[in-house]
Amino acid sequence: MNKNDLSKALCKEKGLDTSLFFEDFELMTAKEKKDIIAVCESCPVVKQCREYGMSQRDGYGVWGGVFFKRGKIVRSYYSSKKPKLT
């Protein structure tokens, strides 16, 4: 799996400001988190994106609805149900 496999990612196709996906999780507002997760939920490559994030030892940001920091999962909203943001 590589970044080229993510060319159909909804965040890229919609021309979204992807810098939001790489902000510090703790500093993000609940609305920012909710907006990002909404994009991930409807993305056709969410699984590949999440797998890419998990494969990066120094991964940072949101990959497939999972928030990573230094390659470790900070928070995951991925499930078959709608995410609950706190």
PDB file of N, CA and C in Angstrom:
ATOM      1  N   MET A   1       0.844  -1.180   0.000  1.00  0.00           N
ATOM      2  CA  MET A   1       0.000   0.000   0.000  1.00  0.00           C
ATOM      3  C   MET A   1       0.886   1.239   0.000  1.00  0.00           C
ATOM      4  N   ASN A   2       0.570   2.169  -0.872  1.00  0.00           N
ATOM      5  CA  ASN A   2       1.321   3.420  -0.890  1.00  0.00           C
ATOM      6  C   ASN A   2       0.374   4.598  -1.105  1.00  0.00           C
ATOM      7  N   LYS A   3       0.932   5.782  -1.000  1.00  0.00           N
ATOM      8  CA  LYS A   3       0.112   6.992  -1.116  1.00  0.00           C
ATOM      9  C   LYS A   3      -0.587   7.102  -2.464  1.00  0.00           C
ATOM     10  N   ASN A   4      -0.008   6.548  -3.511  1.00  0.00           N
ATOM     11  CA  ASN A   4      -0.634   6.613  -4.830  1.00  0.00           C
ATOM     12  C   ASN A   4      -1.979   5.893  -4.854  1.00  0.00           C
ATOM     13  N   ASP A   5      -2.148   4.897  -4.009  1.00  0.00           N
ATOM     14  CA  ASP A   5      -3.416   4.183  -3.923  1.00  0.00           C
ATOM     15  C   ASP A   5      -4.522   5.079  -3.381  1.00  0.00           C
ATOM     16  N   LEU A   6      -4.153   6.204  -2.804  1.00  0.00           N
ATOM     17  CA  LEU A   6      -5.124   7.101  -2.187  1.00  0.00           C
ATOM     18  C   LEU A   6      -5.553   8.230  -3.122  1.00  0.00           C
ATOM     19  N   SER A   7      -5.257   8.091  -4.406  1.00  0.00           N
ATOM     20  CA  SER A   7      -5.576   9.170  -5.347  1.00  0.00           C
ATOM     21  C   SER A   7      -7.075   9.424  -5.467  1.00  0.00           C
ATOM     22  N   LYS A   8      -7.893   8.459  -5.097  1.00  0.00           N
ATOM     23  CA  LYS A   8      -9.357   8.622  -5.154  1.00  0.00           C
ATOM     24  C   LYS A   8      -9.944   9.055  -3.809  1.00  0.00           C
ATOM     25  N   ALA A   9      -9.089   9.468  -2.896  1.00  0.00           N
ATOM     26  CA  ALA A   9      -9.558   9.890  -1.570  1.00  0.00           C
ATOM     27  C   ALA A   9     -10.486  11.093  -1.701  1.00  0.00           C
ATOM     28  N   LEU A  10     -11.582  11.041  -0.995  1.00  0.00           N
ATOM     29  CA  LEU A  10     -12.587  12.094  -1.051  1.00  0.00           C
ATOM     30  C   LEU A  10     -12.018  13.443  -0.631  1.00  0.00           C
ATOM     31  N   CYS A  11     -11.138  13.454   0.341  1.00  0.00           N
ATOM     32  CA  CYS A  11     -10.558  14.720   0.800  1.00  0.00           C
ATOM     33  C   CYS A  11      -9.765  15.398  -0.312  1.00  0.00           C
ATOM     34  N   LYS A  12      -9.166  14.609  -1.198  1.00  0.00           N
ATOM     35  CA  LYS A  12      -8.414  15.175  -2.314  1.00  0.00           C
ATOM     36  C   LYS A  12      -9.333  15.536  -3.470  1.00  0.00           C
ATOM     37  N   GLU A  13     -10.292  14.671  -3.765  1.00  0.00           N
ATOM     38  CA  GLU A  13     -11.188  14.905  -4.891  1.00  0.00           C
ATOM     39  C   GLU A  13     -12.074  16.134  -4.679  1.00  0.00           C
ATOM     40  N   LYS A  14     -12.454  16.396  -3.451  1.00  0.00           N
ATOM     41  CA  LYS A  14     -13.313  17.548  -3.170  1.00  0.00           C
ATOM     42  C   LYS A  14     -12.519  18.836  -3.027  1.00  0.00           C
ATOM     43  N   GLY A  15     -11.210  18.735  -3.098  1.00  0.00           N
ATOM     44  CA  GLY A  15     -10.372  19.918  -2.986  1.00  0.00           C
ATOM     45  C   GLY A  15     -10.390  20.531  -1.594  1.00  0.00           C
ATOM     46  N   LEU A  16     -10.566  19.697  -0.583  1.00  0.00           N
ATOM     47  CA  LEU A  16     -10.601  20.187   0.788  1.00  0.00           C
ATOM     48  C   LEU A  16      -9.218  20.621   1.255  1.00  0.00           C
ATOM     49  N   ASP A  17      -9.200  21.474   2.233  1.00  0.00           N
ATOM     50  CA  ASP A  17      -7.944  21.897   2.852  1.00  0.00           C
ATOM     51  C   ASP A  17      -7.467  20.735   3.726  1.00  0.00           C
ATOM     52  N   THR A  18      -6.593  19.917   3.177  1.00  0.00           N
ATOM     53  CA  THR A  18      -6.164  18.716   3.893  1.00  0.00           C
ATOM     54  C   THR A  18      -5.254  19.026   5.073  1.00  0.00           C
ATOM     55  N   SER A  19      -4.836  20.273   5.230  1.00  0.00           N
ATOM     56  CA  SER A  19      -4.023  20.608   6.409  1.00  0.00           C
ATOM     57  C   SER A  19      -4.808  20.364   7.691  1.00  0.00           C
ATOM     58  N   LEU A  20      -6.140  20.433   7.624  1.00  0.00           N
ATOM     59  CA  LEU A  20      -6.973  20.127   8.799  1.00  0.00           C
ATOM     60  C   LEU A  20      -6.760  18.698   9.275  1.00  0.00           C
ATOM     61  N   PHE A  21      -6.426  17.802   8.357  1.00  0.00           N
ATOM     62  CA  PHE A  21      -6.230  16.403   8.698  1.00  0.00           C
ATOM     63  C   PHE A  21      -4.905  16.170   9.421  1.00  0.00           C
ATOM     64  N   PHE A  22      -4.086  17.220   9.532  1.00  0.00           N
ATOM     65  CA  PHE A  22      -2.780  17.070  10.156  1.00  0.00           C
ATOM     66  C   PHE A  22      -2.565  18.032  11.316  1.00  0.00           C
ATOM     67  N   GLU A  23      -3.652  18.525  11.882  1.00  0.00           N
ATOM     68  CA  GLU A  23      -3.545  19.366  13.068  1.00  0.00           C
ATOM     69  C   GLU A  23      -3.479  18.481  14.308  1.00  0.00           C
ATOM     70  N   ASP A  24      -3.020  19.046  15.394  1.00  0.00           N
ATOM     71  CA  ASP A  24      -2.919  18.318  16.654  1.00  0.00           C
ATOM     72  C   ASP A  24      -4.323  17.962  17.150  1.00  0.00           C
ATOM     73  N   PHE A  25      -4.555  16.687  17.370  1.00  0.00           N
ATOM     74  CA  PHE A  25      -5.871  16.194  17.786  1.00  0.00           C
ATOM     75  C   PHE A  25      -6.397  16.943  19.009  1.00  0.00           C
ATOM     76  N   GLU A  26      -5.530  17.168  19.980  1.00  0.00           N
ATOM     77  CA  GLU A  26      -5.958  17.796  21.220  1.00  0.00           C
ATOM     78  C   GLU A  26      -6.379  19.251  21.027  1.00  0.00           C
ATOM     79  N   LEU A  27      -5.902  19.884  19.976  1.00  0.00           N
ATOM     80  CA  LEU A  27      -6.221  21.286  19.722  1.00  0.00           C
ATOM     81  C   LEU A  27      -7.415  21.479  18.794  1.00  0.00           C
ATOM     82  N   MET A  28      -7.904  20.393  18.218  1.00  0.00           N
ATOM     83  CA  MET A  28      -9.020  20.490  17.286  1.00  0.00           C
ATOM     84  C   MET A  28     -10.338  20.666  18.040  1.00  0.00           C
ATOM     85  N   THR A  29     -11.244  21.418  17.437  1.00  0.00           N
ATOM     86  CA  THR A  29     -12.577  21.563  18.023  1.00  0.00           C
ATOM     87  C   THR A  29     -13.399  20.321  17.695  1.00  0.00           C
ATOM     88  N   ALA A  30     -14.464  20.127  18.448  1.00  0.00           N
ATOM     89  CA  ALA A  30     -15.355  18.989  18.181  1.00  0.00           C
ATOM     90  C   ALA A  30     -15.931  19.086  16.774  1.00  0.00           C
ATOM     91  N   LYS A  31     -16.229  20.293  16.308  1.00  0.00           N
ATOM     92  CA  LYS A  31     -16.767  20.472  14.960  1.00  0.00           C
ATOM     93  C   LYS A  31     -15.737  20.069  13.905  1.00  0.00           C
ATOM     94  N   GLU A  32     -14.478  20.450  14.096  1.00  0.00           N
ATOM     95  CA  GLU A  32     -13.434  20.068  13.144  1.00  0.00           C
ATOM     96  C   GLU A  32     -13.305  18.550  13.080  1.00  0.00           C
ATOM     97  N   LYS A  33     -13.326  17.902  14.226  1.00  0.00           N
ATOM     98  CA  LYS A  33     -13.230  16.432  14.261  1.00  0.00           C
ATOM     99  C   LYS A  33     -14.424  15.809  13.549  1.00  0.00           C
ATOM    100  N   LYS A  34     -15.609  16.335  13.830  1.00  0.00           N
ATOM    101  CA  LYS A  34     -16.831  15.804  13.224  1.00  0.00           C
ATOM    102  C   LYS A  34     -16.798  15.973  11.705  1.00  0.00           C
ATOM    103  N   ASP A  35     -16.353  17.140  11.234  1.00  0.00           N
ATOM    104  CA  ASP A  35     -16.284  17.399   9.792  1.00  0.00           C
ATOM    105  C   ASP A  35     -15.310  16.451   9.108  1.00  0.00           C
ATOM    106  N   ILE A  36     -14.165  16.219   9.739  1.00  0.00           N
ATOM    107  CA  ILE A  36     -13.174  15.309   9.168  1.00  0.00           C
ATOM    108  C   ILE A  36     -13.711  13.884   9.106  1.00  0.00           C
ATOM    109  N   ILE A  37     -14.322  13.439  10.175  1.00  0.00           N
ATOM    110  CA  ILE A  37     -14.865  12.082  10.217  1.00  0.00           C
ATOM    111  C   ILE A  37     -15.969  11.910   9.182  1.00  0.00           C
ATOM    112  N   ALA A  38     -16.773  12.945   8.969  1.00  0.00           N
ATOM    113  CA  ALA A  38     -17.831  12.879   7.954  1.00  0.00           C
ATOM    114  C   ALA A  38     -17.242  12.634   6.569  1.00  0.00           C
ATOM    115  N   VAL A  39     -16.111  13.266   6.279  1.00  0.00           N
ATOM    116  CA  VAL A  39     -15.443  13.045   4.995  1.00  0.00           C
ATOM    117  C   VAL A  39     -14.950  11.606   4.928  1.00  0.00           C
ATOM    118  N   CYS A  40     -14.309  11.149   5.984  1.00  0.00           N
ATOM    119  CA  CYS A  40     -13.766   9.783   6.004  1.00  0.00           C
ATOM    120  C   CYS A  40     -14.866   8.734   5.858  1.00  0.00           C
ATOM    121  N   GLU A  41     -16.001   8.951   6.502  1.00  0.00           N
ATOM    122  CA  GLU A  41     -17.091   7.972   6.450  1.00  0.00           C
ATOM    123  C   GLU A  41     -17.598   7.724   5.041  1.00  0.00           C
ATOM    124  N   SER A  42     -17.568   8.743   4.194  1.00  0.00           N
ATOM    125  CA  SER A  42     -18.106   8.582   2.852  1.00  0.00           C
ATOM    126  C   SER A  42     -17.021   8.396   1.790  1.00  0.00           C
ATOM    127  N   CYS A  43     -15.793   8.205   2.215  1.00  0.00           N
ATOM    128  CA  CYS A  43     -14.668   8.076   1.293  1.00  0.00           C
ATOM    129  C   CYS A  43     -14.575   6.646   0.735  1.00  0.00           C
ATOM    130  N   PRO A  44     -14.361   6.520  -0.580  1.00  0.00           N
ATOM    131  CA  PRO A  44     -14.280   5.186  -1.180  1.00  0.00           C
ATOM    132  C   PRO A  44     -12.994   4.423  -0.843  1.00  0.00           C
ATOM    133  N   VAL A  45     -11.978   5.103  -0.340  1.00  0.00           N
ATOM    134  CA  VAL A  45     -10.716   4.424  -0.021  1.00  0.00           C
ATOM    135  C   VAL A  45     -10.388   4.528   1.471  1.00  0.00           C
ATOM    136  N   VAL A  46     -11.413   4.627   2.312  1.00  0.00           N
ATOM    137  CA  VAL A  46     -11.189   4.799   3.750  1.00  0.00           C
ATOM    138  C   VAL A  46     -10.356   3.655   4.334  1.00  0.00           C
ATOM    139  N   LYS A  47     -10.623   2.438   3.912  1.00  0.00           N
ATOM    140  CA  LYS A  47      -9.877   1.290   4.447  1.00  0.00           C
ATOM    141  C   LYS A  47      -8.398   1.369   4.062  1.00  0.00           C
ATOM    142  N   GLN A  48      -8.120   1.667   2.798  1.00  0.00           N
ATOM    143  CA  GLN A  48      -6.738   1.776   2.341  1.00  0.00           C
ATOM    144  C   GLN A  48      -6.026   2.932   3.045  1.00  0.00           C
ATOM    145  N   CYS A  49      -6.752   4.014   3.255  1.00  0.00           N
ATOM    146  CA  CYS A  49      -6.181   5.175   3.933  1.00  0.00           C
ATOM    147  C   CYS A  49      -5.808   4.825   5.372  1.00  0.00           C
ATOM    148  N   ARG A  50      -6.694   4.153   6.066  1.00  0.00           N
ATOM    149  CA  ARG A  50      -6.437   3.740   7.450  1.00  0.00           C
ATOM    150  C   ARG A  50      -5.238   2.792   7.502  1.00  0.00           C
ATOM    151  N   GLU A  51      -5.188   1.856   6.576  1.00  0.00           N
ATOM    152  CA  GLU A  51      -4.065   0.915   6.531  1.00  0.00           C
ATOM    153  C   GLU A  51      -2.745   1.649   6.284  1.00  0.00           C
ATOM    154  N   TYR A  52      -2.788   2.659   5.412  1.00  0.00           N
ATOM    155  CA  TYR A  52      -1.576   3.440   5.165  1.00  0.00           C
ATOM    156  C   TYR A  52      -1.134   4.146   6.447  1.00  0.00           C
ATOM    157  N   GLY A  53      -2.068   4.761   7.136  1.00  0.00           N
ATOM    158  CA  GLY A  53      -1.746   5.432   8.397  1.00  0.00           C
ATOM    159  C   GLY A  53      -1.126   4.490   9.414  1.00  0.00           C
ATOM    160  N   MET A  54      -1.657   3.273   9.487  1.00  0.00           N
ATOM    161  CA  MET A  54      -1.132   2.289  10.442  1.00  0.00           C
ATOM    162  C   MET A  54       0.246   1.791  10.042  1.00  0.00           C
ATOM    163  N   SER A  55       0.573   1.866   8.761  1.00  0.00           N
ATOM    164  CA  SER A  55       1.869   1.360   8.302  1.00  0.00           C
ATOM    165  C   SER A  55       3.002   2.366   8.510  1.00  0.00           C
ATOM    166  N   GLN A  56       2.682   3.578   8.857  1.00  0.00           N
ATOM    167  CA  GLN A  56       3.690   4.620   9.024  1.00  0.00           C
ATOM    168  C   GLN A  56       4.171   4.694  10.470  1.00  0.00           C
ATOM    169  N   ARG A  57       5.421   4.409  10.685  1.00  0.00           N
ATOM    170  CA  ARG A  57       5.961   4.430  12.052  1.00  0.00           C
ATOM    171  C   ARG A  57       5.912   5.815  12.679  1.00  0.00           C
ATOM    172  N   ASP A  58       6.069   6.842  11.871  1.00  0.00           N
ATOM    173  CA  ASP A  58       6.032   8.209  12.374  1.00  0.00           C
ATOM    174  C   ASP A  58       4.758   8.913  11.927  1.00  0.00           C
ATOM    175  N   GLY A  59       3.731   8.139  11.627  1.00  0.00           N
ATOM    176  CA  GLY A  59       2.486   8.698  11.116  1.00  0.00           C
ATOM    177  C   GLY A  59       1.879   9.759  12.019  1.00  0.00           C
ATOM    178  N   TYR A  60       1.296  10.750  11.385  1.00  0.00           N
ATOM    179  CA  TYR A  60       0.695  11.849  12.110  1.00  0.00           C
ATOM    180  C   TYR A  60      -0.514  12.319  11.323  1.00  0.00           C
ATOM    181  N   GLY A  61      -1.595  12.622  12.009  1.00  0.00           N
ATOM    182  CA  GLY A  61      -2.776  13.141  11.342  1.00  0.00           C
ATOM    183  C   GLY A  61      -3.902  12.129  11.302  1.00  0.00           C
ATOM    184  N   VAL A  62      -4.889  12.434  10.485  1.00  0.00           N
ATOM    185  CA  VAL A  62      -6.062  11.571  10.345  1.00  0.00           C
ATOM    186  C   VAL A  62      -5.909  10.754   9.072  1.00  0.00           C
ATOM    187  N   TRP A  63      -5.987   9.463   9.228  1.00  0.00           N
ATOM    188  CA  TRP A  63      -5.911   8.531   8.110  1.00  0.00           C
ATOM    189  C   TRP A  63      -7.075   7.559   8.250  1.00  0.00           C
ATOM    190  N   GLY A  64      -8.054   7.655   7.373  1.00  0.00           N
ATOM    191  CA  GLY A  64      -9.189   6.740   7.381  1.00  0.00           C
ATOM    192  C   GLY A  64     -10.010   6.803   8.651  1.00  0.00           C
ATOM    193  N   GLY A  65     -10.195   7.985   9.190  1.00  0.00           N
ATOM    194  CA  GLY A  65     -11.009   8.148  10.389  1.00  0.00           C
ATOM    195  C   GLY A  65     -10.302   7.822  11.685  1.00  0.00           C
ATOM    196  N   VAL A  66      -8.998   7.618  11.610  1.00  0.00           N
ATOM    197  CA  VAL A  66      -8.205   7.307  12.798  1.00  0.00           C
ATOM    198  C   VAL A  66      -7.181   8.428  12.982  1.00  0.00           C
ATOM    199  N   PHE A  67      -7.093   8.949  14.198  1.00  0.00           N
ATOM    200  CA  PHE A  67      -6.142  10.009  14.512  1.00  0.00           C
ATOM    201  C   PHE A  67      -4.846   9.398  15.016  1.00  0.00           C
ATOM    202  N   PHE A  68      -3.743   9.696  14.322  1.00  0.00           N
ATOM    203  CA  PHE A  68      -2.433   9.172  14.675  1.00  0.00           C
ATOM    204  C   PHE A  68      -1.518  10.289  15.152  1.00  0.00           C
ATOM    205  N   LYS A  69      -0.642   9.949  16.070  1.00  0.00           N
ATOM    206  CA  LYS A  69       0.407  10.865  16.510  1.00  0.00           C
ATOM    207  C   LYS A  69       1.647  10.013  16.762  1.00  0.00           C
ATOM    208  N   ARG A  70       2.721  10.338  16.068  1.00  0.00           N
ATOM    209  CA  ARG A  70       3.973   9.574  16.144  1.00  0.00           C
ATOM    210  C   ARG A  70       3.754   8.080  15.883  1.00  0.00           C
ATOM    211  N   GLY A  71       2.880   7.793  14.935  1.00  0.00           N
ATOM    212  CA  GLY A  71       2.641   6.418  14.543  1.00  0.00           C
ATOM    213  C   GLY A  71       1.731   5.628  15.456  1.00  0.00           C
ATOM    214  N   LYS A  72       1.211   6.251  16.491  1.00  0.00           N
ATOM    215  CA  LYS A  72       0.317   5.556  17.427  1.00  0.00           C
ATOM    216  C   LYS A  72      -1.084   6.134  17.318  1.00  0.00           C
ATOM    217  N   ILE A  73      -2.076   5.289  17.523  1.00  0.00           N
ATOM    218  CA  ILE A  73      -3.465   5.734  17.460  1.00  0.00           C
ATOM    219  C   ILE A  73      -3.787   6.570  18.694  1.00  0.00           C
ATOM    220  N   VAL A  74      -4.239   7.789  18.448  1.00  0.00           N
ATOM    221  CA  VAL A  74      -4.661   8.682  19.523  1.00  0.00           C
ATOM    222  C   VAL A  74      -6.146   8.468  19.785  1.00  0.00           C
ATOM    223  N   ARG A  75      -6.913   8.409  18.707  1.00  0.00           N
ATOM    224  CA  ARG A  75      -8.356   8.206  18.822  1.00  0.00           C
ATOM    225  C   ARG A  75      -8.845   7.628  17.513  1.00  0.00           C
ATOM    226  N   SER A  76      -9.740   6.687  17.598  1.00  0.00           N
ATOM    227  CA  SER A  76     -10.340   6.119  16.405  1.00  0.00           C
ATOM    228  C   SER A  76     -11.842   6.272  16.486  1.00  0.00           C
ATOM    229  N   TYR A  77     -12.402   6.833  15.438  1.00  0.00           N
ATOM    230  CA  TYR A  77     -13.851   6.941  15.346  1.00  0.00           C
ATOM    231  C   TYR A  77     -14.379   5.960  14.329  1.00  0.00           C
ATOM    232  N   TYR A  78     -13.516   5.088  13.849  1.00  0.00           N
ATOM    233  CA  TYR A  78     -13.933   4.135  12.837  1.00  0.00           C
ATOM    234  C   TYR A  78     -14.776   3.040  13.472  1.00  0.00           C
ATOM    235  N   SER A  79     -15.926   2.836  12.916  1.00  0.00           N
ATOM    236  CA  SER A  79     -16.781   1.710  13.300  1.00  0.00           C
ATOM    237  C   SER A  79     -17.849   1.577  12.236  1.00  0.00           C
ATOM    238  N   SER A  80     -18.673   0.571  12.359  1.00  0.00           N
ATOM    239  CA  SER A  80     -19.758   0.404  11.398  1.00  0.00           C
ATOM    240  C   SER A  80     -20.928   1.324  11.751  1.00  0.00           C
ATOM    241  N   LYS A  81     -20.847   1.941  12.923  1.00  0.00           N
ATOM    242  CA  LYS A  81     -21.888   2.860  13.344  1.00  0.00           C
ATOM    243  C   LYS A  81     -21.382   4.295  13.200  1.00  0.00           C
ATOM    244  N   LYS A  82     -22.278   5.246  13.333  1.00  0.00           N
ATOM    245  CA  LYS A  82     -21.898   6.649  13.266  1.00  0.00           C
ATOM    246  C   LYS A  82     -20.971   6.966  14.423  1.00  0.00           C
ATOM    247  N   PRO A  83     -19.960   7.809  14.195  1.00  0.00           N
ATOM    248  CA  PRO A  83     -19.026   8.141  15.288  1.00  0.00           C
ATOM    249  C   PRO A  83     -19.690   9.015  16.340  1.00  0.00           C
ATOM    250  N   LYS A  84     -19.244   8.845  17.567  1.00  0.00           N
ATOM    251  CA  LYS A  84     -19.694   9.681  18.662  1.00  0.00           C
ATOM    252  C   LYS A  84     -18.521  10.528  19.096  1.00  0.00           C
ATOM    253  N   LEU A  85     -18.641  11.816  18.943  1.00  0.00           N
ATOM    254  CA  LEU A  85     -17.553  12.716  19.307  1.00  0.00           C
ATOM    255  C   LEU A  85     -17.804  13.281  20.689  1.00  0.00           C
ATOM    256  N   THR A  86     -16.748  13.311  21.489  1.00  0.00           N
ATOM    257  CA  THR A  86     -16.872  13.871  22.837  1.00  0.00           C
ATOM    258  C   THR A  86     -15.969  15.060  22.979  1.00  0.00           C
TER     259      THR A  86
END
